Structure formats: C-alpha cells, structure tokens
Amino acid sequence: MIRFARSFIRDHSIVEEVVQDAWMAVIDGIAGFERKSSLKSWMFAIVANKAKSRARREGRTIPFAAFGSADEPPVDADRFRSDGMWGSPPLPWTEITPERIVSGRQLWEHALEFLGQLPDAQRTVVTLIDIELLAPLEVCRILEISEANQRTLLHRGRTRIRAALEDLLGERKPAPGAAKSRRS
C-alpha cells in the first residue's frame, strides 16, 4: 500500500499518513464491502482515493494526461530494422545460471530504482500490474483510466525499465541497419 501511495505522493511521511487513513477506512467500511471486486482491489481503490485527495490538498496532483507526450515513441525506433522486424531483440531472461541467481537480488533492486524514476502514471500502472499483480481491468477501475491508456502506460513503463536494465548490464547493442531515430 505504501509503494502504491508513493505513486501519487513523494513525501514518505505523508504517504504513511495516507496508508493509515486508508486502513481506517477499510476497517470502518469492511461491513459494507459488497464483493463486487476482490478485497485487494477494493483496498487499493481506497488507497488511491485517499492518496488523490491528499495530493490535491497538498497541491501536487498532475493529471495522467500530462505524462508522456505525443512526441514520445512507445518503443525506441533504433531497436527495429526498416522492415519492422527486431534489429536488436530483447535478450532472453529465462536462462538460469548461478551468476544470474546471485545477481538477481541486485537486479531487482535496480529494477525498483528504475521503477521509481518512471513518470508517475507509468510507475503506478507498472506497480499495480507487475508488483501487486492486479488484473488490468481492476487497475483501470482503481485509477479511472481507459484500457488503452493503461496498456500504453504499462508498455512504456516496462520498455523504459527493460532498456535501463539492458544498459546497466551492457546487453543492449545498437542494431545493424536499424531505422534512424527521429532525434537524429
């Protein structure tokens, strides 16, 4: 709940207050829980509402539409050849070696660090789906966003984290004959 509330509010002490308020609301409202969704979704909706209200009060709320721009491509164009096929495909993450097992914890810590650097909307969606394991439709209901917006935010967030991890591990190589970026 704390990690989720941080998606809306950066100050840790305020986040703790929001989560405490959410727990009080859960305790007060549990008798009225109608089981229209999972208990977890219901609780996250309470946290989202409390966090949004507090963020508005603190004057730190930015609408989801403000994150990302129309100019921001969902995937780095340099990863693809001119025919649209992968020029530099993502490396397989399924290969289990002793080195990967040992470095797994460090990699997880780096992934969480990169997650914290994402724009708020992307960080919130990735956290709810990939860490809290909520269903995409539940995330849409909790955040009051469309399915298309949720998919876009999730894709962009995952892409940024994967690219940052590949850069960290030195595994991302420029594709031979890759399409030129619009920034060139």
Protein backbone atom coordinates (compact mmCIF):
# COMPACT_ATOMS: atom_id res chain seq x y z
CA MET A 1 0.00 0.00 0.00
CA ILE A 2 2.87 2.34 0.79
CA ARG A 3 4.55 1.69 -2.56
CA PHE A 4 1.27 2.32 -4.36
CA ALA A 5 0.54 5.53 -2.42
CA ARG A 6 4.03 6.77 -3.38
CA SER A 7 2.79 6.83 -6.97
CA PHE A 8 0.67 9.82 -6.01
CA ILE A 9 2.72 11.43 -3.23
CA ARG A 10 6.51 11.64 -2.87
CA ASP A 11 6.81 12.67 0.80
CA HIS A 12 7.20 9.45 2.81
CA SER A 13 5.61 10.84 5.98
CA ILE A 14 2.50 11.91 4.05
CA VAL A 15 2.41 8.52 2.33
CA GLU A 16 2.39 6.81 5.74
CA GLU A 17 -0.49 9.04 6.86
CA VAL A 18 -2.44 8.24 3.70
CA VAL A 19 -1.97 4.49 4.21
CA GLN A 20 -3.01 4.81 7.85
CA ASP A 21 -6.13 6.73 6.77
CA ALA A 22 -6.81 4.04 4.17
CA TRP A 23 -6.56 1.28 6.78
CA MET A 24 -9.01 3.17 8.99
CA ALA A 25 -11.39 3.48 6.03
CA VAL A 26 -11.03 -0.27 5.35
CA ILE A 27 -11.82 -1.09 8.97
CA ASP A 28 -14.76 1.33 9.04
CA GLY A 29 -16.15 0.16 5.70
CA ILE A 30 -15.49 -3.60 5.74
CA ALA A 31 -19.09 -4.32 6.74
CA GLY A 32 -20.26 -2.55 3.60
CA PHE A 33 -17.85 -4.41 1.30
CA GLU A 34 -20.12 -5.80 -1.42
CA ARG A 35 -17.65 -8.25 -3.06
CA LYS A 36 -18.12 -6.67 -6.49
CA SER A 37 -14.34 -6.89 -6.80
CA SER A 38 -11.57 -8.60 -4.87
CA LEU A 39 -10.80 -7.35 -1.37
CA LYS A 40 -7.35 -6.34 -2.61
CA SER A 41 -8.82 -4.22 -5.42
CA TRP A 42 -11.27 -2.62 -3.05
CA MET A 43 -8.46 -1.75 -0.64
CA PHE A 44 -6.28 -0.32 -3.44
CA ALA A 45 -9.21 1.79 -4.62
CA ILE A 46 -9.48 3.22 -1.10
CA VAL A 47 -5.73 3.96 -1.06
CA ALA A 48 -5.98 5.60 -4.50
CA ASN A 49 -8.88 7.79 -3.40
CA LYS A 50 -7.18 8.79 -0.15
CA ALA A 51 -3.88 9.48 -1.93
CA LYS A 52 -5.52 11.52 -4.70
CA SER A 53 -7.45 13.58 -2.16
CA ARG A 54 -4.34 14.21 -0.09
CA ALA A 55 -2.25 15.05 -3.16
CA ARG A 56 -4.87 17.59 -4.25
CA ARG A 57 -4.82 19.07 -0.78
CA GLU A 58 -1.03 19.24 -0.91
CA GLY A 59 -1.23 20.79 -4.38
CA ARG A 60 0.92 18.13 -6.02
CA THR A 61 -1.51 16.37 -8.34
CA ILE A 62 -0.83 16.25 -12.06
CA PRO A 63 -3.44 14.70 -14.40
CA PHE A 64 -2.48 11.45 -16.14
CA ALA A 65 -2.75 13.19 -19.49
CA ALA A 66 0.23 15.35 -18.55
CA PHE A 67 2.60 12.38 -18.50
CA GLY A 68 4.22 11.30 -21.68
CA SER A 69 3.92 13.34 -24.80
CA ALA A 70 2.58 12.75 -28.26
CA ASP A 71 6.18 13.04 -29.49
CA GLU A 72 7.38 10.20 -27.24
CA PRO A 73 7.51 6.96 -29.24
CA PRO A 74 6.28 3.93 -27.30
CA VAL A 75 9.40 1.96 -28.27
CA ASP A 76 12.83 3.16 -29.32
CA ALA A 77 12.83 3.02 -33.12
CA ASP A 78 16.52 2.07 -33.11
CA ARG A 79 15.51 -1.39 -31.86
CA PHE A 80 13.92 -2.24 -35.25
CA ARG A 81 15.07 -2.67 -38.83
CA SER A 82 13.46 -0.76 -41.68
CA ASP A 83 11.17 -3.77 -42.41
CA GLY A 84 9.71 -3.56 -38.88
CA MET A 85 11.45 -6.69 -37.58
CA TRP A 86 13.61 -6.66 -34.45
CA GLY A 87 17.09 -5.44 -35.27
CA SER A 88 18.14 -5.85 -31.66
CA PRO A 89 15.66 -8.22 -30.00
CA PRO A 90 15.30 -8.29 -26.22
CA LEU A 91 17.63 -10.83 -24.72
CA PRO A 92 16.13 -13.95 -23.13
CA TRP A 93 15.69 -13.59 -19.39
CA THR A 94 14.82 -17.23 -18.79
CA GLU A 95 18.36 -18.61 -18.83
CA ILE A 96 19.14 -19.56 -15.23
CA THR A 97 22.80 -19.57 -14.30
CA PRO A 98 24.47 -19.32 -10.89
CA GLU A 99 25.62 -15.82 -11.80
CA ARG A 100 22.08 -14.74 -12.61
CA ILE A 101 20.76 -16.24 -9.39
CA VAL A 102 23.38 -14.37 -7.35
CA SER A 103 22.87 -11.13 -9.25
CA GLY A 104 19.07 -11.48 -9.21
CA ARG A 105 18.65 -9.59 -5.97
CA GLN A 106 20.81 -6.71 -7.19
CA LEU A 107 18.96 -6.68 -10.49
CA TRP A 108 15.63 -6.50 -8.61
CA GLU A 109 16.92 -3.55 -6.58
CA HIS A 110 17.99 -1.78 -9.77
CA ALA A 111 14.61 -2.53 -11.37
CA LEU A 112 12.85 -0.96 -8.36
CA GLU A 113 15.18 2.04 -8.60
CA PHE A 114 14.32 2.46 -12.30
CA LEU A 115 10.62 1.97 -11.46
CA GLY A 116 10.93 4.90 -9.06
CA GLN A 117 12.29 7.07 -11.87
CA LEU A 118 9.32 6.50 -14.20
CA PRO A 119 6.72 9.21 -14.70
CA ASP A 120 4.04 8.88 -12.02
CA ALA A 121 1.33 7.37 -14.23
CA GLN A 122 3.65 4.72 -15.69
CA ARG A 123 5.06 3.89 -12.25
CA THR A 124 1.57 3.47 -10.80
CA VAL A 125 0.36 1.14 -13.56
CA VAL A 126 3.55 -0.98 -13.56
CA THR A 127 3.43 -1.24 -9.76
CA LEU A 128 -0.19 -2.38 -9.68
CA ILE A 129 0.12 -4.91 -12.51
CA ASP A 130 3.66 -6.26 -12.18
CA ILE A 131 4.28 -5.99 -8.44
CA GLU A 132 0.84 -6.09 -6.84
CA LEU A 133 -0.41 -8.49 -9.55
CA LEU A 134 -3.76 -6.81 -10.04
CA ALA A 135 -5.74 -7.55 -13.17
CA PRO A 136 -5.58 -4.84 -15.85
CA LEU A 137 -9.32 -4.14 -15.64
CA GLU A 138 -9.02 -3.69 -11.87
CA VAL A 139 -6.22 -1.18 -12.45
CA CYS A 140 -8.41 0.72 -14.91
CA ARG A 141 -11.20 0.90 -12.34
CA ILE A 142 -8.90 1.93 -9.49
CA LEU A 143 -7.13 4.65 -11.48
CA GLU A 144 -10.20 5.62 -13.51
CA ILE A 145 -8.36 5.33 -16.83
CA SER A 146 -9.25 3.64 -20.10
CA GLU A 147 -7.93 0.20 -21.07
CA ALA A 148 -5.98 1.75 -23.95
CA ASN A 149 -4.34 4.27 -21.62
CA GLN A 150 -3.49 1.50 -19.14
CA ARG A 151 -1.89 -0.63 -21.88
CA THR A 152 0.12 2.34 -23.18
CA LEU A 153 1.35 3.33 -19.72
CA LEU A 154 2.26 -0.28 -18.88
CA HIS A 155 4.09 -0.79 -22.17
CA ARG A 156 6.05 2.46 -21.90
CA GLY A 157 6.96 1.79 -18.27
CA ARG A 158 8.11 -1.76 -18.93
CA THR A 159 10.05 -0.65 -22.02
CA ARG A 160 11.91 2.03 -20.05
CA ILE A 161 12.75 -0.35 -17.22
CA ARG A 162 13.93 -3.05 -19.62
CA ALA A 163 16.08 -0.56 -21.55
CA ALA A 164 17.60 0.79 -18.32
CA LEU A 165 18.40 -2.75 -17.14
CA GLU A 166 19.89 -3.68 -20.51
CA ASP A 167 22.03 -0.53 -20.42
CA LEU A 168 23.10 -1.34 -16.86
CA LEU A 169 24.06 -4.87 -17.83
CA GLY A 170 25.71 -3.73 -21.05
CA GLU A 171 23.50 -6.11 -23.02
CA ARG A 172 21.78 -3.67 -25.36
CA LYS A 173 23.63 -3.28 -28.62
CA PRO A 174 22.67 -1.00 -31.49
CA ALA A 175 21.01 -2.92 -34.27
CA PRO A 176 22.90 -3.16 -37.55
CA GLY A 177 20.90 -1.30 -40.20
CA ALA A 178 18.42 -0.06 -37.58
CA ALA A 179 15.97 2.66 -38.51
CA LYS A 180 17.22 6.16 -37.80
CA SER A 181 15.72 7.81 -34.74
CA ARG A 182 13.63 10.94 -35.24
CA ARG A 183 16.07 12.73 -32.95
CA SER A 184 19.00 12.25 -35.39
